[in-house]
């Protein structure tokens, strides 16, 4: 899409959710973005994703991976391909979320006015229909505000519904696929601030988020990645604030596991492995989510 001289690509990362993916593709297309500017990163889905894209959406850029490299790897691949093809901005979505009517129009002018924007996020909403803003204090700290069209400078974003500047990518590269899942967004935000780019959130709530990834709670294998990646980030940045945030967060999780959680032994074992692997710099996909589904 070339909207007021801003060339925008949309990247959607998907895994085994063809019906949700179709809804997201339709919603993106309804923003005025042509199929030729939509990039679907298929994380080796076992459902009908590949066949459906070929039959129903032949003009979409479908990139079918041989292995599931999760959200970090999928977004990194999408950013790489979009940059190679000369886009100015890359708009990111999971397959279970999508823009609603007027989303693009709500922020396109901001991209033209402020050349220092590195990341701009359409805010998700909570159960009280408040916009969720994120800030960094060694862990992510949410703040809740009323819906508005006022652009707010923040510390953090999540990639879902976020648009990223090509200028920022040229400076710091793609998100780190070795996170596999979780924490890679915060790492990217911290790197963006390191090189002087601004991060903004638009709290208008114009995104529909299915939150399907967390509908059954956090499984033990996923806690492994959350624990490992947060600790590794603290070690990599040599940040006491981040280590403190990680330590307090883990104490709370362990307390919850011991007194309220299911699969106590399995969860604690995964956490011990996560600490070991962070210290030993063992990264990437260590545990395959498909083996635990």
Protein backbone atom coordinates (compact mmCIF):
# COMPACT_ATOMS: atom_id res chain seq x y z
CA UNK A 1 0.00 0.00 0.00
CA UNK A 2 1.16 3.50 -0.83
CA UNK A 3 -0.88 5.78 1.41
CA UNK A 4 0.21 9.41 1.12
CA UNK A 5 3.65 8.21 0.01
CA UNK A 6 3.98 5.86 2.97
CA UNK A 7 4.55 2.34 1.66
CA UNK A 8 3.11 -0.12 4.19
CA UNK A 9 3.38 -3.90 4.35
CA UNK A 10 1.28 -6.04 6.68
CA UNK A 11 2.86 -9.14 8.23
CA UNK A 12 0.62 -11.79 9.80
CA UNK A 13 2.19 -14.71 11.66
CA UNK A 14 0.00 -17.81 11.79
CA UNK A 15 -0.05 -21.36 13.09
CA UNK A 16 -3.00 -23.75 12.75
CA UNK A 17 -5.73 -21.09 12.80
CA UNK A 18 -6.95 -20.83 9.23
CA UNK A 19 -10.43 -19.56 10.14
CA UNK A 20 -8.98 -16.82 12.34
CA UNK A 21 -6.39 -16.01 9.69
CA UNK A 22 -9.11 -15.51 7.07
CA UNK A 23 -10.86 -13.00 9.34
CA UNK A 24 -7.61 -11.09 9.83
CA UNK A 25 -6.82 -11.03 6.11
CA UNK A 26 -10.30 -9.67 5.38
CA UNK A 27 -9.98 -7.00 8.09
CA UNK A 28 -6.59 -5.88 6.76
CA UNK A 29 -7.88 -5.78 3.19
CA UNK A 30 -10.81 -3.65 4.36
CA UNK A 31 -8.30 -1.05 5.57
CA UNK A 32 -7.49 -0.42 1.91
CA UNK A 33 -4.36 -2.57 1.86
CA UNK A 34 -4.03 -4.62 -1.30
CA UNK A 35 -3.42 -8.35 -1.07
CA UNK A 36 -0.05 -7.90 -2.75
CA UNK A 37 1.13 -5.95 0.31
CA UNK A 38 0.06 -8.63 2.80
CA UNK A 39 2.68 -11.19 3.94
CA UNK A 40 1.53 -14.31 5.76
CA UNK A 41 4.25 -16.19 7.63
CA UNK A 42 2.97 -19.74 8.01
CA UNK A 43 4.75 -21.46 10.89
CA UNK A 44 4.44 -24.95 9.36
CA UNK A 45 0.71 -25.22 10.07
CA UNK A 46 -0.81 -28.69 9.95
CA UNK A 47 -4.32 -27.49 9.05
CA UNK A 48 -5.50 -26.22 5.65
CA UNK A 49 -3.57 -22.93 5.80
CA UNK A 50 -1.28 -23.60 2.85
CA UNK A 51 -4.02 -24.88 0.56
CA UNK A 52 -6.50 -22.15 1.50
CA UNK A 53 -4.02 -19.36 0.86
CA UNK A 54 -3.16 -20.80 -2.54
CA UNK A 55 -6.80 -21.22 -3.60
CA UNK A 56 -8.56 -18.26 -2.02
CA UNK A 57 -5.81 -15.65 -1.75
CA UNK A 58 -3.43 -16.21 -4.70
CA UNK A 59 -2.18 -12.59 -4.64
CA UNK A 60 -1.09 -12.71 -1.00
CA UNK A 61 2.59 -13.26 -0.28
CA UNK A 62 2.50 -16.59 1.55
CA UNK A 63 5.77 -17.72 3.11
CA UNK A 64 5.53 -21.34 4.22
CA UNK A 65 8.20 -22.31 6.73
CA UNK A 66 9.47 -25.85 7.14
CA UNK A 67 9.57 -25.53 10.93
CA UNK A 68 7.58 -23.70 13.56
CA UNK A 69 9.83 -20.82 14.61
CA UNK A 70 7.09 -19.24 16.76
CA UNK A 71 6.24 -15.56 16.97
CA UNK A 72 9.77 -14.19 17.37
CA UNK A 73 11.06 -16.06 14.34
CA UNK A 74 7.92 -15.42 12.31
CA UNK A 75 7.94 -11.68 12.86
CA UNK A 76 11.68 -11.54 12.19
CA UNK A 77 11.15 -13.33 8.88
CA UNK A 78 8.30 -11.02 7.94
CA UNK A 79 10.34 -7.93 8.77
CA UNK A 80 13.23 -9.27 6.69
CA UNK A 81 11.11 -9.92 3.60
CA UNK A 82 9.25 -6.60 3.84
CA UNK A 83 12.49 -4.66 4.15
CA UNK A 84 13.99 -6.48 1.18
CA UNK A 85 11.00 -5.35 -0.87
CA UNK A 86 11.36 -1.70 0.01
CA UNK A 87 8.52 -0.90 2.41
CA UNK A 88 8.69 2.14 4.71
CA UNK A 89 6.57 0.63 7.48
CA UNK A 90 5.74 -2.91 8.57
CA UNK A 91 2.42 -3.48 10.35
CA UNK A 92 2.35 -6.65 12.44
CA UNK A 93 -0.48 -8.95 13.50
CA UNK A 94 -1.01 -12.33 15.08
CA UNK A 95 -3.57 -14.51 13.32
CA UNK A 96 -6.14 -14.10 16.10
CA UNK A 97 -6.25 -10.30 16.07
CA UNK A 98 -7.20 -7.76 13.49
CA UNK A 99 -7.80 -4.04 12.85
CA UNK A 100 -11.34 -2.72 12.90
CA UNK A 101 -12.90 -0.05 10.71
CA UNK A 102 -10.89 3.17 10.68
CA UNK A 103 -7.73 1.80 12.29
CA UNK A 104 -5.32 2.81 9.55
CA UNK A 105 -6.83 6.25 9.15
CA UNK A 106 -6.48 6.81 12.90
CA UNK A 107 -2.68 6.74 12.80
CA UNK A 108 -1.45 7.24 9.22
CA UNK A 109 -0.99 11.00 9.66
CA UNK A 110 1.24 10.51 12.70
CA UNK A 111 3.69 8.55 10.57
CA UNK A 112 4.12 11.53 8.28
CA UNK A 113 4.46 14.17 10.99
CA UNK A 114 7.07 12.58 13.29
CA UNK A 115 10.11 11.09 11.60
CA UNK A 116 11.46 9.83 14.95
CA UNK A 117 8.67 7.31 15.53
CA UNK A 118 10.20 3.86 15.70
CA UNK A 119 7.18 1.88 16.86
CA UNK A 120 3.53 2.84 17.07
CA UNK A 121 1.05 0.48 18.69
CA UNK A 122 -2.73 0.42 18.58
CA UNK A 123 -3.58 -0.25 22.22
CA UNK A 124 -5.34 -3.40 23.31
CA UNK A 125 -8.18 -3.00 25.80
CA UNK A 126 -8.96 -4.67 29.10
CA UNK A 127 -12.26 -6.05 30.37
CA UNK A 128 -13.30 -2.52 31.42
CA UNK A 129 -12.78 -1.22 27.87
CA UNK A 130 -9.75 0.81 28.93
CA UNK A 131 -6.67 1.09 26.76
CA UNK A 132 -3.58 -0.73 28.05
CA UNK A 133 -0.29 1.16 28.01
CA UNK A 134 3.00 -0.54 28.88
CA UNK A 135 6.06 0.84 30.67
CA UNK A 136 9.36 -0.75 31.69
CA UNK A 137 10.59 -1.14 35.26
CA UNK A 138 12.60 -4.30 34.81
CA UNK A 139 9.28 -5.95 33.99
CA UNK A 140 6.39 -4.61 32.01
CA UNK A 141 4.11 -2.38 34.03
CA UNK A 142 0.63 -1.72 32.62
CA UNK A 143 -1.24 1.55 32.93
CA UNK A 144 -4.92 1.86 32.04
CA UNK A 145 -6.41 4.95 30.42
CA UNK A 146 -9.70 5.92 28.81
CA UNK A 147 -10.01 5.44 25.07
CA UNK A 148 -8.93 8.45 23.04
CA UNK A 149 -7.13 9.50 19.86
CA UNK A 150 -4.29 11.12 21.83
CA UNK A 151 -0.91 9.65 20.91
CA UNK A 152 0.93 8.73 24.11
CA UNK A 153 4.67 8.15 24.45
CA UNK A 154 5.34 4.83 26.17
CA UNK A 155 8.27 2.54 26.98
CA UNK A 156 6.99 -0.72 25.59
CA UNK A 157 4.66 -2.24 23.06
CA UNK A 158 3.73 -5.72 22.02
CA UNK A 159 4.06 -6.44 18.33
CA UNK A 160 0.43 -7.38 17.72
CA UNK A 161 -1.13 -4.34 16.05
CA UNK A 162 2.17 -2.44 16.04
CA UNK A 163 3.68 -0.66 13.05
CA UNK A 164 7.48 -0.44 12.84
CA UNK A 165 9.60 2.05 10.94
CA UNK A 166 11.99 0.80 8.28
CA UNK A 167 14.46 3.42 9.55
CA UNK A 168 14.49 1.72 12.95
CA UNK A 169 14.96 -1.72 11.40
CA UNK A 170 17.90 -0.39 9.39
CA UNK A 171 19.45 0.73 12.70
CA UNK A 172 18.90 -2.29 14.95
CA UNK A 173 17.86 -5.12 12.64
CA UNK A 174 14.96 -7.51 13.06
CA UNK A 175 13.61 -8.85 16.32
CA UNK A 176 15.77 -11.61 17.77
CA UNK A 177 14.41 -15.04 16.69
CA UNK A 178 16.41 -16.79 19.40
CA UNK A 179 13.83 -15.66 21.96
CA UNK A 180 11.46 -18.04 20.14
CA UNK A 181 8.44 -16.64 22.01
CA UNK A 182 8.03 -14.00 24.69
CA UNK A 183 10.29 -11.06 25.70
CA UNK A 184 11.55 -10.39 22.15
CA UNK A 185 9.23 -7.37 21.92
CA UNK A 186 10.63 -5.82 25.08
CA UNK A 187 14.19 -6.48 23.93
CA UNK A 188 13.35 -4.71 20.67
CA UNK A 189 11.82 -1.72 22.46
CA UNK A 190 14.87 -1.33 24.69
CA UNK A 191 17.15 -1.46 21.64
CA UNK A 192 14.99 1.16 19.90
CA UNK A 193 15.36 3.51 22.84
CA UNK A 194 19.10 2.82 22.93
CA UNK A 195 19.44 4.38 19.47
CA UNK A 196 17.09 7.29 20.15
CA UNK A 197 13.83 6.24 18.51
CA UNK A 198 10.46 6.97 20.13
CA UNK A 199 7.75 4.48 21.03
CA UNK A 200 4.10 5.50 21.02
CA UNK A 201 0.75 3.94 21.80
CA UNK A 202 -2.52 5.15 20.34
CA UNK A 203 -5.20 4.30 22.93
CA UNK A 204 -8.20 4.21 20.60
CA UNK A 205 -8.81 0.47 21.02
CA UNK A 206 -9.28 -0.10 17.29
CA UNK A 207 -8.00 -3.66 17.35
CA UNK A 208 -9.92 -6.86 17.86
CA UNK A 209 -7.87 -9.30 19.94
CA UNK A 210 -9.02 -12.89 20.21
CA UNK A 211 -6.38 -13.70 22.86
CA UNK A 212 -6.59 -17.33 21.81
CA UNK A 213 -3.01 -18.04 22.83
CA UNK A 214 -3.85 -17.58 26.50
CA UNK A 215 -7.39 -18.91 26.68
CA UNK A 216 -6.40 -22.06 28.59
CA UNK A 217 -3.85 -20.45 30.90
CA UNK A 218 -0.07 -20.61 30.66
CA UNK A 219 1.17 -24.17 30.06
CA UNK A 220 4.39 -25.31 31.80
CA UNK A 221 6.46 -25.34 28.61
CA UNK A 222 5.55 -21.70 27.92
CA UNK A 223 6.59 -20.66 31.40
CA UNK A 224 10.00 -22.03 30.46
CA UNK A 225 10.37 -19.42 27.69
CA UNK A 226 9.01 -16.59 29.83
CA UNK A 227 11.45 -17.37 32.64
CA UNK A 228 14.48 -18.04 30.44
CA UNK A 229 14.07 -15.07 28.13
CA UNK A 230 13.49 -12.50 30.86
CA UNK A 231 16.56 -13.67 32.77
CA UNK A 232 18.65 -13.78 29.61
CA UNK A 233 17.61 -10.21 28.82
CA UNK A 234 18.84 -9.11 32.25
CA UNK A 235 22.14 -10.92 31.75
CA UNK A 236 22.62 -9.64 28.20
CA UNK A 237 21.96 -6.03 29.15
CA UNK A 238 23.82 -6.33 32.47
CA UNK A 239 20.80 -4.67 34.02
CA UNK A 240 20.22 -4.92 37.76
CA UNK A 241 16.76 -3.36 37.30
CA UNK A 242 15.79 -6.12 34.87
CA UNK A 243 17.26 -8.85 37.06
CA UNK A 244 15.38 -7.47 40.08
CA UNK A 245 12.17 -7.36 38.06
CA UNK A 246 12.73 -10.94 36.93
CA UNK A 247 13.52 -12.16 40.47
CA UNK A 248 10.42 -10.59 42.06
CA UNK A 249 8.23 -11.85 39.22
CA UNK A 250 9.56 -15.40 39.56
CA UNK A 251 9.05 -15.44 43.32
CA UNK A 252 5.39 -14.56 42.74
CA UNK A 253 5.01 -17.27 40.11
CA UNK A 254 6.67 -19.92 42.28
CA UNK A 255 4.42 -18.99 45.20
CA UNK A 256 1.38 -19.30 42.92
CA UNK A 257 2.58 -22.67 41.62
CA UNK A 258 3.20 -24.08 45.09
CA UNK A 259 -0.09 -22.98 46.59
CA UNK A 260 -2.55 -22.70 43.71
CA UNK A 261 -1.13 -24.19 40.52
CA UNK A 262 -1.64 -27.47 38.76
CA UNK A 263 1.22 -29.64 37.47
CA UNK A 264 3.44 -28.29 40.23
CA UNK A 265 6.40 -30.59 39.65
CA UNK A 266 6.38 -30.11 35.89
CA UNK A 267 6.19 -26.33 36.18
CA UNK A 268 9.03 -26.15 38.70
CA UNK A 269 11.22 -28.42 36.59
CA UNK A 270 10.68 -26.21 33.54
CA UNK A 271 11.60 -23.14 35.59
CA UNK A 272 14.82 -24.73 36.83
CA UNK A 273 15.73 -25.65 33.26
CA UNK A 274 14.95 -22.11 32.16
CA UNK A 275 17.34 -20.59 34.72
CA UNK A 276 20.07 -23.06 33.75
CA UNK A 277 19.68 -22.35 30.04
CA UNK A 278 19.64 -18.57 30.46
CA UNK A 279 22.89 -18.69 32.44
CA UNK A 280 24.48 -21.06 29.91
CA UNK A 281 23.26 -18.98 26.94
CA UNK A 282 21.15 -21.82 25.57
CA UNK A 283 18.62 -20.08 23.38
CA UNK A 284 16.21 -20.74 20.53
CA UNK A 285 13.64 -23.53 20.46
CA UNK A 286 14.54 -25.86 23.31
CA UNK A 287 11.06 -27.32 23.75
CA UNK A 288 8.65 -27.80 20.89
CA UNK A 289 5.12 -26.58 21.78
CA UNK A 290 3.64 -29.27 19.52
CA UNK A 291 5.11 -31.95 21.76
CA UNK A 292 3.03 -30.69 24.67
CA UNK A 293 -0.27 -29.92 22.95
